[in-house]
N, C-alpha and C. Protein backbone atom coordinates (compact mmCIF):
# COMPACT_ATOMS: atom_id res chain seq x y z
N UNK A 1 150.95 122.52 74.10
CA UNK A 1 150.69 123.84 73.66
C UNK A 1 151.49 123.90 72.06
N UNK A 2 152.47 122.77 71.67
CA UNK A 2 153.04 122.86 70.53
C UNK A 2 153.29 124.37 70.13
N UNK A 3 153.77 125.34 70.48
CA UNK A 3 154.42 126.15 70.23
C UNK A 3 155.01 126.81 68.47
N UNK A 4 155.68 125.54 68.56
CA UNK A 4 156.59 125.76 67.04
C UNK A 4 155.48 125.65 65.69
N UNK A 5 154.05 125.02 65.99
CA UNK A 5 153.34 125.02 64.99
C UNK A 5 152.70 126.43 64.80
N UNK A 6 152.71 127.21 65.73
CA UNK A 6 151.80 128.60 65.79
C UNK A 6 152.55 129.60 65.04
N UNK A 7 154.08 129.20 64.98
CA UNK A 7 154.85 130.55 64.15
C UNK A 7 155.00 130.12 62.47
N UNK A 8 154.77 131.51 62.11
CA UNK A 8 154.90 131.17 60.56
C UNK A 8 156.43 131.11 60.29
N UNK A 9 156.75 130.23 59.40
CA UNK A 9 158.07 130.25 58.73
C UNK A 9 157.87 129.96 57.32
N UNK A 10 158.85 130.12 56.50
CA UNK A 10 158.95 129.62 55.16
C UNK A 10 159.24 128.27 54.96
N UNK A 11 158.61 127.58 54.12
CA UNK A 11 158.48 126.35 53.91
C UNK A 11 159.96 125.66 53.37
N UNK A 12 160.93 126.68 52.99
CA UNK A 12 162.13 126.01 52.84
C UNK A 12 162.99 125.88 54.19
N UNK A 13 163.08 126.74 55.05
CA UNK A 13 163.98 126.66 56.07
C UNK A 13 163.32 127.13 57.59
N UNK A 14 163.33 126.28 58.37
CA UNK A 14 162.42 126.90 59.96
C UNK A 14 163.69 127.62 60.63
N UNK A 15 163.28 128.46 61.45
CA UNK A 15 164.09 129.46 62.17
C UNK A 15 164.47 128.65 63.29
N UNK A 16 165.73 129.01 63.75
CA UNK A 16 166.50 128.63 64.93
C UNK A 16 165.14 128.11 66.03
N UNK A 17 164.45 129.24 66.31
CA UNK A 17 163.63 129.23 67.53
C UNK A 17 162.58 128.08 67.48
N UNK A 18 162.24 127.94 66.08
CA UNK A 18 161.23 127.19 65.73
C UNK A 18 161.65 125.35 66.13
N UNK A 19 163.12 125.22 65.30
CA UNK A 19 163.37 123.96 65.74
C UNK A 19 163.77 123.26 67.18
N UNK A 20 164.29 124.57 67.89
CA UNK A 20 164.51 124.63 69.16
C UNK A 20 163.04 123.88 70.24
N UNK A 21 162.14 124.87 69.69
CA UNK A 21 160.70 124.60 70.29
C UNK A 21 160.45 123.28 70.23
N UNK A 22 160.43 122.83 68.72
CA UNK A 22 160.04 121.55 68.36
C UNK A 22 160.69 120.64 69.38
N UNK A 23 162.07 120.81 69.22
CA UNK A 23 162.77 119.84 69.62
C UNK A 23 162.48 119.32 71.25
N UNK A 24 161.96 120.79 72.11
CA UNK A 24 162.14 120.79 73.64
C UNK A 24 160.61 120.37 73.74
N UNK A 25 159.80 120.30 73.06
CA UNK A 25 158.51 119.87 73.18
C UNK A 25 158.13 118.27 72.74
N UNK A 26 159.32 117.60 72.09
CA UNK A 26 159.25 116.75 71.62
C UNK A 26 159.77 115.41 72.89
N UNK A 27 160.48 116.16 73.94
CA UNK A 27 160.85 115.57 75.10
C UNK A 27 161.84 114.67 74.74
N UNK A 28 162.47 114.80 73.57
CA UNK A 28 163.57 113.70 73.46
C UNK A 28 165.37 114.71 73.76
N UNK A 29 164.90 115.86 73.95
CA UNK A 29 166.39 116.45 74.36
C UNK A 29 165.95 117.18 75.89
N UNK A 30 166.97 117.65 76.67
CA UNK A 30 166.53 118.30 78.24
C UNK A 30 166.65 119.91 77.45
N UNK A 31 166.11 120.60 78.41
CA UNK A 31 165.76 121.76 78.40
C UNK A 31 167.08 122.78 78.41
N UNK A 32 167.57 123.65 77.53
CA UNK A 32 168.71 124.32 77.61
C UNK A 32 168.60 125.34 78.63
N UNK A 33 169.86 125.71 78.84
CA UNK A 33 169.97 126.87 80.14
C UNK A 33 169.24 128.02 79.76
N UNK A 34 169.43 128.50 78.43
CA UNK A 34 169.16 129.96 78.11
C UNK A 34 167.63 129.55 77.58
N UNK A 35 166.87 128.79 77.71
CA UNK A 35 165.73 128.43 77.28
C UNK A 35 164.67 129.65 77.68
N UNK A 36 164.42 129.82 79.07
CA UNK A 36 163.83 131.11 79.40
C UNK A 36 163.91 132.29 78.13
N UNK A 37 165.06 132.84 78.20
CA UNK A 37 165.32 133.84 77.69
C UNK A 37 164.75 134.00 75.88
N UNK A 38 164.91 132.84 75.37
CA UNK A 38 164.38 132.29 74.15
C UNK A 38 162.58 132.63 74.35
N UNK A 39 161.90 131.97 75.04
CA UNK A 39 160.41 131.96 75.13
C UNK A 39 159.92 133.48 75.52
N UNK A 40 160.78 134.13 76.18
CA UNK A 40 160.12 135.79 76.26
C UNK A 40 159.53 136.55 75.14
N UNK A 41 160.64 136.11 74.07
CA UNK A 41 160.44 137.20 73.00
C UNK A 41 159.74 136.48 71.97
N UNK A 42 158.76 137.00 71.20
CA UNK A 42 158.06 136.36 70.32
C UNK A 42 159.22 136.58 68.84
N UNK A 43 158.77 135.75 68.20
CA UNK A 43 159.88 135.78 66.80
C UNK A 43 159.18 136.28 65.87
N UNK A 44 159.43 137.09 64.94
CA UNK A 44 158.56 137.75 64.02
C UNK A 44 159.41 137.68 62.65
N UNK A 45 158.51 137.32 61.88
CA UNK A 45 158.79 137.42 60.37
C UNK A 45 159.51 138.50 59.82
N UNK A 46 160.87 138.22 58.97
CA UNK A 46 161.50 139.25 58.53
C UNK A 46 161.01 139.03 57.33
N UNK A 47 161.23 140.17 56.29
CA UNK A 47 160.95 140.42 55.16
C UNK A 47 161.94 141.15 54.60
N UNK A 48 162.54 140.89 53.30
CA UNK A 48 163.28 141.90 52.66
C UNK A 48 163.07 143.26 52.41
N UNK A 49 161.74 143.34 52.02
CA UNK A 49 161.23 144.42 51.50
C UNK A 49 161.30 145.52 52.67
N UNK A 50 160.91 145.07 53.84
CA UNK A 50 160.51 145.95 55.13
C UNK A 50 162.51 146.52 55.52
N UNK A 51 163.08 145.66 55.22
CA UNK A 51 164.78 145.93 55.92
C UNK A 51 165.52 146.49 54.40
N UNK A 52 164.54 146.83 53.49
CA UNK A 52 165.63 147.13 52.09
C UNK A 52 165.20 148.80 52.38
N UNK A 53 166.53 149.72 51.91
CA UNK A 53 166.18 150.96 51.54
C UNK A 53 165.05 151.31 50.76
N UNK A 54 164.06 152.34 51.23
CA UNK A 54 163.16 152.48 50.88
C UNK A 54 163.15 153.75 49.73
N UNK A 55 164.46 154.43 50.05
CA UNK A 55 164.63 155.62 49.00
C UNK A 55 166.01 155.14 48.12
N UNK A 56 165.87 155.57 46.80
CA UNK A 56 167.20 155.29 46.37
C UNK A 56 167.93 156.49 46.03
N UNK A 57 168.91 156.53 46.09
CA UNK A 57 170.04 157.74 46.05
C UNK A 57 169.67 158.39 44.65
N UNK A 58 169.59 159.72 44.57
CA UNK A 58 169.44 160.55 43.26
C UNK A 58 170.86 161.41 43.13
N UNK A 59 171.69 161.27 42.24
CA UNK A 59 172.68 161.73 42.40
C UNK A 59 172.32 163.06 41.28
N UNK A 60 172.95 164.38 41.82
CA UNK A 60 172.56 165.44 41.27
C UNK A 60 172.74 165.51 39.66
N UNK A 61 173.70 164.65 38.97
CA UNK A 61 173.95 164.59 37.75
C UNK A 61 172.84 163.78 37.05
N UNK A 62 172.29 162.99 37.24
CA UNK A 62 171.14 162.10 36.63
C UNK A 62 170.21 162.87 36.11
N UNK A 63 169.59 164.06 36.62
CA UNK A 63 168.70 165.01 35.80
C UNK A 63 169.56 165.41 34.60
N UNK A 64 170.85 165.89 34.59
CA UNK A 64 171.52 166.17 33.51
C UNK A 64 171.71 165.27 32.42
N UNK A 65 172.13 164.29 33.13
CA UNK A 65 172.18 162.94 32.21
C UNK A 65 170.79 162.62 31.32
N UNK A 66 169.70 162.66 32.02
CA UNK A 66 168.46 162.34 31.49
C UNK A 66 168.07 163.31 30.22
N UNK A 67 168.65 164.89 30.42
CA UNK A 67 168.42 165.88 29.55
C UNK A 67 169.31 165.72 28.51
N UNK A 68 170.40 165.15 28.64
CA UNK A 68 171.42 165.11 27.22
C UNK A 68 170.87 164.08 26.75
N UNK A 69 170.48 162.67 27.12
CA UNK A 69 170.36 161.87 26.48
C UNK A 69 168.68 161.81 25.89
N UNK A 70 167.69 162.92 26.15
CA UNK A 70 166.75 163.11 25.75
C UNK A 70 166.99 164.23 24.09
N UNK A 71 168.12 164.73 24.36
CA UNK A 71 168.07 165.54 23.29
C UNK A 71 169.28 164.58 22.29
N UNK A 72 170.11 164.01 22.52
CA UNK A 72 170.65 163.11 22.12
C UNK A 72 170.69 161.62 22.50
N UNK A 73 169.41 161.02 22.03
CA UNK A 73 169.10 159.13 22.19
C UNK A 73 170.22 158.65 21.81
N UNK A 74 171.00 159.06 20.58
CA UNK A 74 171.99 157.74 19.98
C UNK A 74 173.14 157.76 21.07
N UNK A 75 173.17 158.54 21.97
CA UNK A 75 174.41 158.87 22.96
C UNK A 75 174.46 157.22 23.53
N UNK A 76 173.29 156.90 23.80
CA UNK A 76 173.09 155.77 24.60
C UNK A 76 173.56 154.06 23.71
N UNK A 77 173.72 154.60 22.45
CA UNK A 77 174.30 153.34 21.48
C UNK A 77 175.80 153.34 21.40
N UNK A 78 176.30 154.38 21.86
CA UNK A 78 177.98 154.53 21.86
C UNK A 78 178.70 153.38 22.73
N UNK A 79 179.36 152.85 21.97
CA UNK A 79 180.34 151.70 22.78
C UNK A 79 180.98 152.20 23.65
N UNK A 80 181.32 151.77 24.99
CA UNK A 80 182.28 152.05 26.17
C UNK A 80 183.19 151.27 26.21
N UNK A 81 184.12 151.04 26.12
CA UNK A 81 185.32 150.03 26.59
C UNK A 81 185.35 150.00 28.38
N UNK A 82 185.01 148.88 28.66
CA UNK A 82 184.49 148.55 30.26
C UNK A 82 185.77 148.29 30.67
N UNK A 83 187.28 148.15 30.37
CA UNK A 83 188.24 148.01 30.96
C UNK A 83 189.18 149.22 30.87
N UNK A 84 188.31 150.32 30.69
CA UNK A 84 188.86 151.34 30.57
C UNK A 84 188.52 152.42 31.57
N UNK A 85 189.33 153.55 31.96
CA UNK A 85 188.77 154.53 32.99
C UNK A 85 188.11 155.68 32.18
N UNK A 86 187.84 155.71 31.16
CA UNK A 86 187.31 156.49 30.28
C UNK A 86 185.85 156.51 30.52
N UNK A 87 185.19 157.72 30.76
CA UNK A 87 183.62 157.36 31.04
C UNK A 87 182.93 157.54 29.50
N UNK A 88 181.69 157.15 29.46
CA UNK A 88 180.95 157.75 28.09
C UNK A 88 181.14 159.10 27.71
N UNK A 89 180.64 158.97 26.65
CA UNK A 89 180.81 160.75 26.26
C UNK A 89 179.35 161.71 27.09
N UNK A 90 178.43 160.92 27.20
CA UNK A 90 177.39 161.36 27.94
C UNK A 90 177.85 161.68 29.29
N UNK A 91 178.63 160.91 30.16
CA UNK A 91 179.06 161.37 31.43
C UNK A 91 180.11 162.33 31.46
N UNK A 92 180.93 162.41 30.25
CA UNK A 92 182.01 163.54 30.10
C UNK A 92 181.15 164.66 30.09
N UNK A 93 180.02 164.85 29.23
CA UNK A 93 179.11 166.09 28.83
C UNK A 93 178.72 166.48 29.92
N UNK A 94 178.03 165.71 30.67
CA UNK A 94 177.51 166.36 32.02
C UNK A 94 178.65 166.51 33.23
N UNK A 95 179.88 166.08 33.31
CA UNK A 95 180.69 166.60 34.08
C UNK A 95 181.31 167.84 33.64
N UNK A 96 181.26 167.84 32.26
CA UNK A 96 181.68 169.55 31.87
C UNK A 96 180.38 170.40 32.24
N UNK A 97 179.33 170.05 31.88
CA UNK A 97 177.79 170.91 32.44
C UNK A 97 178.22 171.40 33.69
N UNK A 98 178.33 170.11 34.63
CA UNK A 98 178.44 170.47 36.06
C UNK A 98 179.48 171.36 36.73
N UNK A 99 180.84 171.20 36.09
CA UNK A 99 182.01 172.08 36.00
C UNK A 99 181.74 173.53 35.59
N UNK A 100 180.76 173.76 34.91
CA UNK A 100 180.38 174.93 34.28
C UNK A 100 179.58 175.68 34.96
N UNK A 101 178.61 174.97 35.72
CA UNK A 101 177.57 175.32 36.49
C UNK A 101 178.41 175.84 38.01
N UNK A 102 179.45 174.89 38.29
CA UNK A 102 180.09 175.30 39.66
C UNK A 102 180.60 176.82 39.68
N UNK A 103 181.45 176.88 38.31
CA UNK A 103 181.84 178.27 38.23
C UNK A 103 180.88 179.20 38.01
N UNK A 104 179.74 179.12 37.96
CA UNK A 104 178.51 180.70 37.92
C UNK A 104 177.64 180.40 36.76
N UNK A 105 177.54 179.56 36.06
CA UNK A 105 176.68 179.43 34.71
C UNK A 105 175.66 178.87 35.26
N UNK A 106 174.37 179.17 34.58
CA UNK A 106 172.97 178.62 35.09
C UNK A 106 172.95 177.39 34.29
N UNK A 107 171.96 176.52 34.62
CA UNK A 107 171.85 175.35 33.73
C UNK A 107 171.70 175.29 32.23
N UNK A 108 171.02 176.12 31.69
CA UNK A 108 170.90 176.38 30.34
C UNK A 108 172.16 176.58 29.44
N UNK A 109 173.02 177.95 30.20
CA UNK A 109 173.82 178.57 29.60
C UNK A 109 174.96 176.97 29.62
N UNK A 110 175.13 176.58 30.83
CA UNK A 110 176.48 175.42 30.81
C UNK A 110 175.90 174.41 29.77
N UNK A 111 174.50 174.08 29.53
CA UNK A 111 174.27 173.07 28.56
C UNK A 111 174.84 173.53 27.12
N UNK A 112 174.61 174.83 26.83
CA UNK A 112 174.92 175.49 25.60
C UNK A 112 176.52 175.19 25.29
N UNK A 113 177.04 175.91 26.53
CA UNK A 113 178.64 176.05 26.41
C UNK A 113 179.34 174.22 26.29
N UNK A 114 178.73 173.30 26.67
CA UNK A 114 179.18 172.07 26.84
C UNK A 114 178.87 171.48 25.67
N UNK A 115 177.91 172.06 25.01
CA UNK A 115 177.37 171.50 23.50
C UNK A 115 178.52 172.10 22.83
N UNK A 116 178.78 173.53 22.68
CA UNK A 116 179.97 173.78 21.96
C UNK A 116 181.32 173.27 22.19
N UNK A 117 181.45 172.56 23.37
CA UNK A 117 182.83 171.91 23.71
C UNK A 117 182.74 170.65 23.15
N UNK A 118 181.59 170.09 22.88
CA UNK A 118 181.63 168.80 22.43
C UNK A 118 181.08 168.81 21.15
N UNK A 119 180.96 169.85 20.32
CA UNK A 119 180.05 169.89 18.99
C UNK A 119 180.75 168.90 18.18
N UNK A 120 182.00 168.78 18.16
CA UNK A 120 182.56 168.01 17.12
C UNK A 120 182.39 166.44 17.39
N UNK A 121 182.34 165.88 18.41
CA UNK A 121 182.31 164.70 18.91
C UNK A 121 180.85 164.43 18.92
N UNK A 122 179.85 165.54 19.17
CA UNK A 122 178.22 164.91 18.80
C UNK A 122 178.35 165.18 17.47
N UNK A 123 178.86 165.77 16.64
CA UNK A 123 178.47 165.46 14.99
C UNK A 123 178.99 164.44 14.72
N UNK A 124 180.19 163.89 15.27
CA UNK A 124 180.61 162.50 14.83
C UNK A 124 179.79 161.52 15.36
N UNK A 125 179.17 161.61 16.58
CA UNK A 125 178.53 160.55 16.89
C UNK A 125 177.00 160.29 16.18
N UNK A 126 176.51 161.79 15.75
CA UNK A 126 175.52 161.77 14.72
C UNK A 126 175.66 160.94 13.62
N UNK A 127 176.79 161.41 13.07
CA UNK A 127 177.20 160.59 11.76
C UNK A 127 177.28 159.27 11.71
N UNK A 128 177.92 158.85 12.83
CA UNK A 128 178.19 157.54 12.91
C UNK A 128 176.64 156.84 12.95
N UNK A 129 176.08 157.29 14.01
CA UNK A 129 174.42 156.98 13.87
C UNK A 129 173.94 156.65 12.44
N UNK A 130 174.07 157.88 11.77
CA UNK A 130 173.03 157.76 10.56
C UNK A 130 173.67 156.89 9.61
N UNK A 131 175.17 156.93 9.58
CA UNK A 131 175.88 155.90 8.50
C UNK A 131 175.47 154.37 9.06
N UNK A 132 175.54 154.14 10.41
CA UNK A 132 175.05 153.00 10.27
C UNK A 132 173.25 152.54 9.95
N UNK A 133 172.72 153.77 10.24
CA UNK A 133 171.30 153.45 9.92
C UNK A 133 170.97 153.07 8.30
N UNK A 134 171.48 153.87 7.39
CA UNK A 134 171.44 153.90 6.11
C UNK A 134 172.62 153.10 5.52
N UNK A 135 173.56 152.64 6.10
CA UNK A 135 174.66 151.63 5.61
C UNK A 135 175.29 152.54 4.67
N UNK A 136 175.81 153.81 5.04
CA UNK A 136 176.47 154.53 3.97
C UNK A 136 178.01 154.19 3.69
N UNK A 137 178.78 154.26 2.63
CA UNK A 137 180.13 154.33 2.56
C UNK A 137 180.73 155.12 3.52
N UNK A 138 181.97 154.65 3.93
CA UNK A 138 182.77 155.74 4.79
C UNK A 138 183.44 156.81 3.60
N UNK A 139 183.62 156.43 2.75
CA UNK A 139 183.97 157.31 1.60
C UNK A 139 182.79 158.76 1.30
N UNK A 140 181.43 157.99 1.17
CA UNK A 140 180.31 158.79 1.03
C UNK A 140 180.28 159.75 2.14
N UNK A 141 180.36 159.23 3.46
CA UNK A 141 180.42 159.99 4.86
C UNK A 141 181.45 161.32 4.64
N UNK A 142 182.77 160.85 4.13
CA UNK A 142 183.74 161.90 4.11
C UNK A 142 183.39 163.00 3.21
N UNK A 143 182.88 162.31 1.81
CA UNK A 143 182.55 163.56 0.81
C UNK A 143 181.52 164.67 1.44
N UNK A 144 180.36 164.02 2.12
CA UNK A 144 179.55 164.76 2.82
C UNK A 144 179.83 165.58 3.74
N UNK A 145 180.81 165.06 4.56
CA UNK A 145 181.50 166.17 5.38
C UNK A 145 182.33 167.35 5.00
N UNK A 146 182.92 166.92 3.97
CA UNK A 146 183.70 167.98 3.09
C UNK A 146 182.58 169.10 2.44
N UNK A 147 181.63 168.73 1.89
CA UNK A 147 180.40 169.24 1.51
C UNK A 147 179.72 170.37 2.58
N UNK A 148 179.43 170.18 3.52
CA UNK A 148 179.00 170.44 4.79
C UNK A 148 179.94 171.55 5.05
N UNK A 149 181.45 171.23 5.34
CA UNK A 149 182.51 172.00 5.70
C UNK A 149 182.90 173.31 4.55
N UNK A 150 182.15 173.05 3.17
CA UNK A 150 182.36 173.82 1.83
C UNK A 150 181.08 174.85 2.24
N UNK A 151 179.97 174.09 2.46
CA UNK A 151 178.76 175.21 2.59
C UNK A 151 178.85 176.00 3.77
N UNK A 152 179.31 175.70 5.01
CA UNK A 152 179.65 176.61 6.05
C UNK A 152 180.58 177.75 5.89
N UNK A 153 181.57 177.10 5.05
CA UNK A 153 182.37 178.44 4.34
C UNK A 153 181.96 179.35 3.71
N UNK A 154 181.15 178.83 3.01
CA UNK A 154 180.40 179.83 2.01
C UNK A 154 179.50 180.48 2.72
N UNK A 155 178.43 180.31 3.57
CA UNK A 155 177.79 181.02 4.39
C UNK A 155 178.55 181.93 5.43
N UNK A 156 179.66 181.57 5.66
CA UNK A 156 180.55 182.58 6.67
C UNK A 156 181.07 183.77 5.77
N UNK A 157 181.46 183.03 4.56
CA UNK A 157 181.93 184.40 3.39
C UNK A 157 181.01 185.22 3.06
N UNK A 158 179.76 184.68 3.07
CA UNK A 158 178.58 185.64 2.67
C UNK A 158 178.46 186.63 3.82
N UNK A 159 178.21 186.19 4.99
CA UNK A 159 177.86 187.14 6.34
C UNK A 159 179.24 188.02 6.39
N UNK A 160 180.31 187.77 6.26
CA UNK A 160 181.29 188.75 6.14
C UNK A 160 181.34 189.80 5.13
N UNK A 161 180.81 189.84 3.91
CA UNK A 161 180.64 190.44 2.86
C UNK A 161 179.75 191.27 2.99
N UNK A 162 178.66 190.80 3.82
CA UNK A 162 177.16 191.65 4.18
C UNK A 162 177.71 192.63 5.21
N UNK A 163 178.31 192.15 6.13
CA UNK A 163 178.94 192.83 7.41
C UNK A 163 179.82 193.97 6.81
N UNK A 164 180.75 193.80 5.79
CA UNK A 164 182.05 194.73 5.46
C UNK A 164 181.32 195.83 4.59
N UNK A 165 179.87 195.81 4.29
CA UNK A 165 179.27 196.41 3.62
C UNK A 165 179.35 196.42 1.95
N UNK A 166 179.83 195.04 1.51
CA UNK A 166 179.94 194.75 -0.03
C UNK A 166 178.60 193.63 -0.11
N UNK A 167 177.49 194.32 0.72
CA UNK A 167 176.13 193.54 -0.03
C UNK A 167 175.68 193.83 -1.47
N UNK A 168 176.19 195.12 -1.61
CA UNK A 168 175.58 195.03 -3.12
C UNK A 168 176.44 194.67 -4.18
N UNK A 169 177.43 194.18 -3.77
CA UNK A 169 178.40 193.30 -4.81
C UNK A 169 177.67 191.96 -4.89
N UNK A 170 177.20 191.60 -4.12
CA UNK A 170 176.43 190.02 -3.98
C UNK A 170 175.44 190.41 -4.96
N UNK A 171 174.64 191.17 -4.83
CA UNK A 171 173.34 191.38 -5.60
C UNK A 171 173.97 191.57 -7.27
N UNK A 172 174.76 192.36 -7.17
CA UNK A 172 175.36 192.74 -8.74
C UNK A 172 175.48 191.48 -9.53
N UNK A 173 176.28 190.26 -8.93
CA UNK A 173 176.91 189.52 -9.50
C UNK A 173 175.45 188.45 -10.00
């Protein structure tokens, strides 16, 4: 009958049952005691795809991380020390957002609050990214940062004067 020739196996390695059947049918070896138990069941081809997990685990922070990286794509290029236990800024941002959501905020409000909490780090990250793109000098970047702070201060001062009712004074000058 040559049962061993009918069984599909890979070309690299033959299964134990196929090798046993080949040896028994060759009449060079005696029939083992458990031979009947082995011949009752048909061997089936195993594939790694059928035994693999069909569904991947979707963590809840994955959607928040994607939203953060969509808004701040330069966060993908931020270096992370592999030897440290400090997560990347994107993961810390998402952790803060999820913490705010557990405290009762909705998703959009938690994202906005986390942006406020990480505003300085996000600004520094954007500056580093822009500096590396344009090859700016660190002194130039510091001067630009000081100028932005001065501009923000002037805008705040103008708003305070308008709120205090001194709007006419600004127009007179």
